[in-house]
N, C-alpha and C. Protein backbone atom coordinates (compact mmCIF):
# COMPACT_ATOMS: atom_id res chain seq x y z
N UNK A 1 -0.15 8.81 22.03
CA UNK A 1 -0.19 9.17 21.06
C UNK A 1 0.56 8.39 19.88
N UNK A 2 1.56 8.85 20.42
CA UNK A 2 2.60 8.28 19.44
C UNK A 2 2.46 6.80 18.99
N UNK A 3 1.72 6.30 19.72
CA UNK A 3 2.24 4.20 19.80
C UNK A 3 0.90 4.03 19.05
N UNK A 4 -0.17 4.65 19.04
CA UNK A 4 -1.56 4.07 18.50
C UNK A 4 -1.71 4.38 17.30
N UNK A 5 -0.56 5.36 16.89
CA UNK A 5 -0.22 5.38 15.54
C UNK A 5 0.76 4.91 14.89
N UNK A 6 1.87 4.42 15.34
CA UNK A 6 2.38 3.35 15.27
C UNK A 6 2.26 1.95 15.00
N UNK A 7 1.27 1.88 16.02
CA UNK A 7 0.51 0.73 15.55
C UNK A 7 -0.23 0.33 14.87
N UNK A 8 -1.41 1.33 14.34
CA UNK A 8 -2.17 1.56 13.35
C UNK A 8 -1.47 1.28 12.17
N UNK A 9 -0.39 2.43 11.69
CA UNK A 9 0.99 2.15 10.17
C UNK A 9 1.07 0.52 10.12
N UNK A 10 2.00 0.01 11.71
CA UNK A 10 2.26 -1.27 11.37
C UNK A 10 1.25 -2.24 10.42
N UNK A 11 -0.39 -2.47 11.40
CA UNK A 11 -1.02 -3.30 10.95
C UNK A 11 -1.58 -3.25 9.84
N UNK A 12 -1.66 -1.90 9.49
CA UNK A 12 -1.89 -1.22 8.34
C UNK A 12 -1.07 -2.11 7.30
N UNK A 13 0.02 -1.88 7.32
CA UNK A 13 1.20 -2.04 6.38
C UNK A 13 0.73 -3.92 6.33
N UNK A 14 0.93 -4.47 7.51
CA UNK A 14 1.11 -6.07 7.32
C UNK A 14 -0.27 -6.57 6.63
N UNK A 15 -1.55 -5.60 6.73
CA UNK A 15 -2.30 -5.99 6.24
C UNK A 15 -2.82 -5.66 4.37
N UNK A 16 -1.71 -5.13 4.26
CA UNK A 16 -1.60 -4.59 2.95
C UNK A 16 -0.29 -5.52 1.69
N UNK A 17 0.59 -5.37 2.69
CA UNK A 17 1.52 -6.64 2.14
C UNK A 17 0.98 -8.18 1.80
N UNK A 18 -0.22 -8.49 3.34
CA UNK A 18 -0.71 -9.56 2.97
C UNK A 18 -1.61 -10.10 2.00
N UNK A 19 -2.33 -8.86 1.50
CA UNK A 19 -3.29 -8.28 0.84
C UNK A 19 -2.47 -9.13 -1.06
N UNK A 20 -1.37 -7.44 -0.98
CA UNK A 20 -0.66 -8.06 -2.19
C UNK A 20 0.17 -9.40 -2.52
N UNK A 21 0.26 -10.11 -1.38
CA UNK A 21 1.02 -11.66 -1.28
C UNK A 21 -0.76 -12.97 -1.82
N UNK A 22 -1.55 -12.58 -1.68
CA UNK A 22 -2.91 -13.06 -1.69
C UNK A 22 -2.96 -12.91 -2.93
N UNK A 23 -3.12 -11.17 -3.53
CA UNK A 23 -3.33 -11.16 -4.55
C UNK A 23 -2.94 -11.92 -5.90
N UNK A 24 -1.51 -12.16 -5.75
CA UNK A 24 -0.70 -12.65 -6.60
C UNK A 24 -0.09 -14.06 -6.45
N UNK A 25 -1.11 -14.21 -5.38
CA UNK A 25 -1.30 -16.41 -5.56
C UNK A 25 -2.37 -16.40 -6.46
N UNK A 26 -3.14 -15.16 -6.16
CA UNK A 26 -4.87 -16.29 -7.07
C UNK A 26 -4.90 -15.86 -8.20
N UNK A 27 -3.81 -14.55 -8.58
CA UNK A 27 -3.25 -14.27 -10.26
C UNK A 27 -2.69 -15.82 -10.61
N UNK A 28 -2.03 -16.01 -10.51
CA UNK A 28 -1.14 -17.58 -10.17
C UNK A 28 -1.76 -18.83 -10.71
N UNK A 29 -2.71 -18.89 -9.55
CA UNK A 29 -3.93 -19.42 -9.69
C UNK A 29 -4.80 -19.47 -11.05
N UNK A 30 -4.88 -18.20 -11.53
CA UNK A 30 -6.33 -18.10 -11.97
C UNK A 30 -7.57 -18.13 -11.04
N UNK A 31 -7.02 -17.23 -10.11
CA UNK A 31 -8.52 -17.64 -9.18
C UNK A 31 -9.08 -16.34 -9.36
N UNK A 32 -10.05 -15.84 -8.45
CA UNK A 32 -11.03 -14.75 -8.82
C UNK A 32 -10.12 -13.25 -7.82
N UNK A 33 -9.42 -12.52 -7.94
CA UNK A 33 -8.15 -11.53 -7.46
C UNK A 33 -8.82 -9.98 -6.52
N UNK A 34 -8.36 -9.73 -5.47
CA UNK A 34 -9.07 -8.29 -5.32
C UNK A 34 -8.45 -7.52 -6.56
N UNK A 35 -9.63 -6.58 -5.94
CA UNK A 35 -9.64 -4.92 -6.90
C UNK A 35 -8.58 -4.40 -6.40
N UNK A 36 -8.29 -3.84 -7.82
CA UNK A 36 -7.13 -2.53 -7.65
C UNK A 36 -7.64 -1.42 -7.23
N UNK A 37 -8.59 -0.99 -6.96
CA UNK A 37 -9.32 -0.16 -5.56
C UNK A 37 -9.21 -0.42 -4.37
N UNK A 38 -9.51 -1.77 -3.93
CA UNK A 38 -9.32 -1.89 -3.36
C UNK A 38 -8.10 -2.58 -2.95
N UNK A 39 -6.55 -2.36 -3.04
CA UNK A 39 -5.15 -2.76 -3.40
C UNK A 39 -4.62 -0.99 -3.04
N UNK A 40 -5.65 0.68 -3.75
CA UNK A 40 -5.01 1.43 -3.34
C UNK A 40 -5.78 1.74 -2.08
N UNK A 41 -6.60 1.09 -2.28
CA UNK A 41 -7.30 2.22 -0.37
C UNK A 41 -6.48 1.59 0.23
N UNK A 42 -6.04 0.50 0.73
CA UNK A 42 -5.04 -0.22 1.78
C UNK A 42 -3.67 0.53 1.87
N UNK A 43 -2.97 1.18 0.32
CA UNK A 43 -2.42 2.00 0.51
C UNK A 43 -2.81 3.82 0.56
N UNK A 44 -4.05 3.90 0.64
CA UNK A 44 -4.53 5.59 0.93
C UNK A 44 -4.82 5.10 2.12
N UNK A 45 -4.61 4.76 3.19
CA UNK A 45 -5.03 4.62 4.26
C UNK A 45 -3.67 4.47 5.15
N UNK A 46 -2.97 4.93 4.87
CA UNK A 46 -2.07 4.26 5.63
C UNK A 46 -0.29 2.87 4.66
N UNK A 47 -0.88 2.49 3.88
CA UNK A 47 -0.50 0.85 3.47
C UNK A 47 0.49 0.75 2.36
N UNK A 48 0.64 2.65 2.18
CA UNK A 48 1.77 2.61 0.72
C UNK A 48 3.23 1.97 0.85
N UNK A 49 3.70 1.95 1.93
CA UNK A 49 4.99 1.33 2.07
C UNK A 49 4.17 -0.50 2.21
N UNK A 50 3.74 -0.70 2.79
CA UNK A 50 3.96 -2.36 2.26
C UNK A 50 3.11 -2.33 0.85
N UNK A 51 2.15 -1.43 0.89
CA UNK A 51 2.61 -2.09 -0.96
C UNK A 51 3.84 -1.90 -1.78
N UNK A 52 4.10 -1.08 -1.59
CA UNK A 52 5.88 -0.96 -2.26
C UNK A 52 6.52 -1.47 -2.36
N UNK A 53 6.41 -2.94 -0.60
CA UNK A 53 7.06 -3.93 -0.09
C UNK A 53 6.41 -4.74 -1.09
N UNK A 54 5.30 -5.00 -0.72
CA UNK A 54 4.30 -6.12 -1.90
C UNK A 54 5.21 -6.55 -2.75
N UNK A 55 4.94 -4.96 -3.57
CA UNK A 55 5.08 -4.90 -5.49
C UNK A 55 6.59 -5.60 -6.01
N UNK A 56 7.27 -5.09 -4.60
CA UNK A 56 9.12 -5.95 -5.19
C UNK A 56 9.34 -7.33 -4.89
N UNK A 57 8.56 -7.19 -3.54
CA UNK A 57 8.81 -9.04 -2.56
C UNK A 57 8.31 -10.33 -4.14
N UNK A 58 6.49 -9.52 -4.57
CA UNK A 58 6.19 -10.69 -4.73
C UNK A 58 6.50 -10.52 -6.17
N UNK A 59 6.61 -9.30 -6.47
CA UNK A 59 6.58 -8.93 -8.07
C UNK A 59 5.35 -8.84 -8.69
N UNK A 60 4.52 -8.53 -8.15
CA UNK A 60 3.32 -8.05 -8.74
C UNK A 60 2.98 -6.84 -8.46
N UNK A 61 2.62 -6.10 -10.17
CA UNK A 61 1.29 -4.97 -10.44
C UNK A 61 2.64 -4.04 -10.47
N UNK A 62 3.83 -4.48 -11.15
CA UNK A 62 5.01 -3.44 -11.30
C UNK A 62 5.13 -2.59 -12.36
N UNK A 63 4.37 -3.43 -13.42
CA UNK A 63 4.53 -2.51 -14.64
C UNK A 63 2.33 -2.37 -15.08
N UNK A 64 1.97 -2.54 -13.90
CA UNK A 64 0.68 -2.04 -14.55
C UNK A 64 0.02 -0.48 -14.66
N UNK A 65 -0.33 -0.52 -15.43
CA UNK A 65 -1.36 1.16 -15.58
C UNK A 65 -2.48 1.15 -15.81
N UNK A 66 -2.77 2.49 -15.20
CA UNK A 66 -2.61 3.20 -14.31
C UNK A 66 -2.28 3.24 -12.93
N UNK A 67 -2.23 2.20 -12.04
CA UNK A 67 -1.83 1.32 -10.77
C UNK A 67 -0.88 2.07 -10.17
N UNK A 68 0.73 1.66 -11.32
CA UNK A 68 1.62 2.48 -10.57
C UNK A 68 1.22 3.73 -10.59
N UNK A 69 1.10 4.44 -10.84
CA UNK A 69 1.64 5.96 -11.25
C UNK A 69 0.16 6.60 -9.47
N UNK A 70 -1.00 5.83 -9.58
CA UNK A 70 -1.78 5.83 -9.16
C UNK A 70 -0.95 5.71 -7.73
N UNK A 71 -0.75 4.32 -7.56
CA UNK A 71 -0.02 4.57 -6.28
C UNK A 71 1.26 5.23 -5.93
N UNK A 72 1.95 5.80 -6.89
CA UNK A 72 3.17 7.14 -5.96
C UNK A 72 2.45 7.96 -6.14
N UNK A 73 0.99 8.19 -6.55
CA UNK A 73 0.35 9.53 -5.98
C UNK A 73 0.12 9.33 -4.67
N UNK A 74 -0.14 8.64 -4.19
CA UNK A 74 -0.59 8.25 -2.76
C UNK A 74 0.26 8.40 -1.92
N UNK A 75 1.21 7.94 -2.17
CA UNK A 75 2.88 7.86 -1.48
C UNK A 75 3.26 9.07 -1.79
N UNK A 76 3.16 9.84 -2.30
CA UNK A 76 4.06 11.49 -2.76
C UNK A 76 2.71 12.31 -1.93
N UNK A 77 1.58 12.30 -1.72
CA UNK A 77 0.63 12.79 -1.00
C UNK A 77 0.78 12.55 0.55
N UNK A 78 1.18 11.08 0.50
CA UNK A 78 1.21 11.22 2.48
C UNK A 78 2.36 11.94 2.71
N UNK A 79 3.98 11.37 1.76
CA UNK A 79 5.21 12.45 2.52
C UNK A 79 4.71 13.88 2.40
N UNK A 80 4.20 14.18 1.68
CA UNK A 80 3.49 15.78 1.86
C UNK A 80 2.98 16.44 3.18
N UNK A 81 2.56 15.32 3.35
CA UNK A 81 1.36 15.16 4.77
C UNK A 81 2.15 15.18 6.20
N UNK A 82 3.14 13.58 5.88
CA UNK A 82 3.96 14.00 7.20
C UNK A 82 5.12 14.84 7.23
N UNK A 83 4.93 15.54 6.01
CA UNK A 83 6.18 16.30 6.02
C UNK A 83 5.26 17.82 6.27
N UNK A 84 4.60 18.37 6.14
CA UNK A 84 3.60 19.17 7.00
C UNK A 84 3.36 18.83 8.16
N UNK A 85 2.42 17.67 8.41
CA UNK A 85 2.76 17.87 10.12
C UNK A 85 3.70 18.20 10.91
N UNK A 86 5.04 17.71 10.31
CA UNK A 86 6.46 17.23 11.40
C UNK A 86 6.77 19.30 10.65
N UNK A 87 5.86 20.14 9.95
CA UNK A 87 6.51 21.65 10.59
C UNK A 87 5.62 22.01 11.18
N UNK A 88 4.90 21.49 11.42
CA UNK A 88 3.70 21.94 12.45
C UNK A 88 4.16 21.77 13.85
N UNK A 89 4.96 20.63 14.38
CA UNK A 89 4.95 20.16 14.97
C UNK A 89 6.29 20.58 16.13
């Protein structure tokens, strides 16, 4: 059971990182962007580490509010859920 969850998390974080990279390139080129809600959705479905990595690696969405606060809130909830699961196991 642990292996499929790990594979899912790797996949969703790579997808999220790629989305941040693509959005940054689109922003620089002045083209159509990925909606912030879609980037936050990727973070919410498990891609928050990829989102933080993408923000750092591509210097993208680092000062954008309320995006930054919402991303931190998503990550905090995920950490809380993970801690709760560890206590139950």
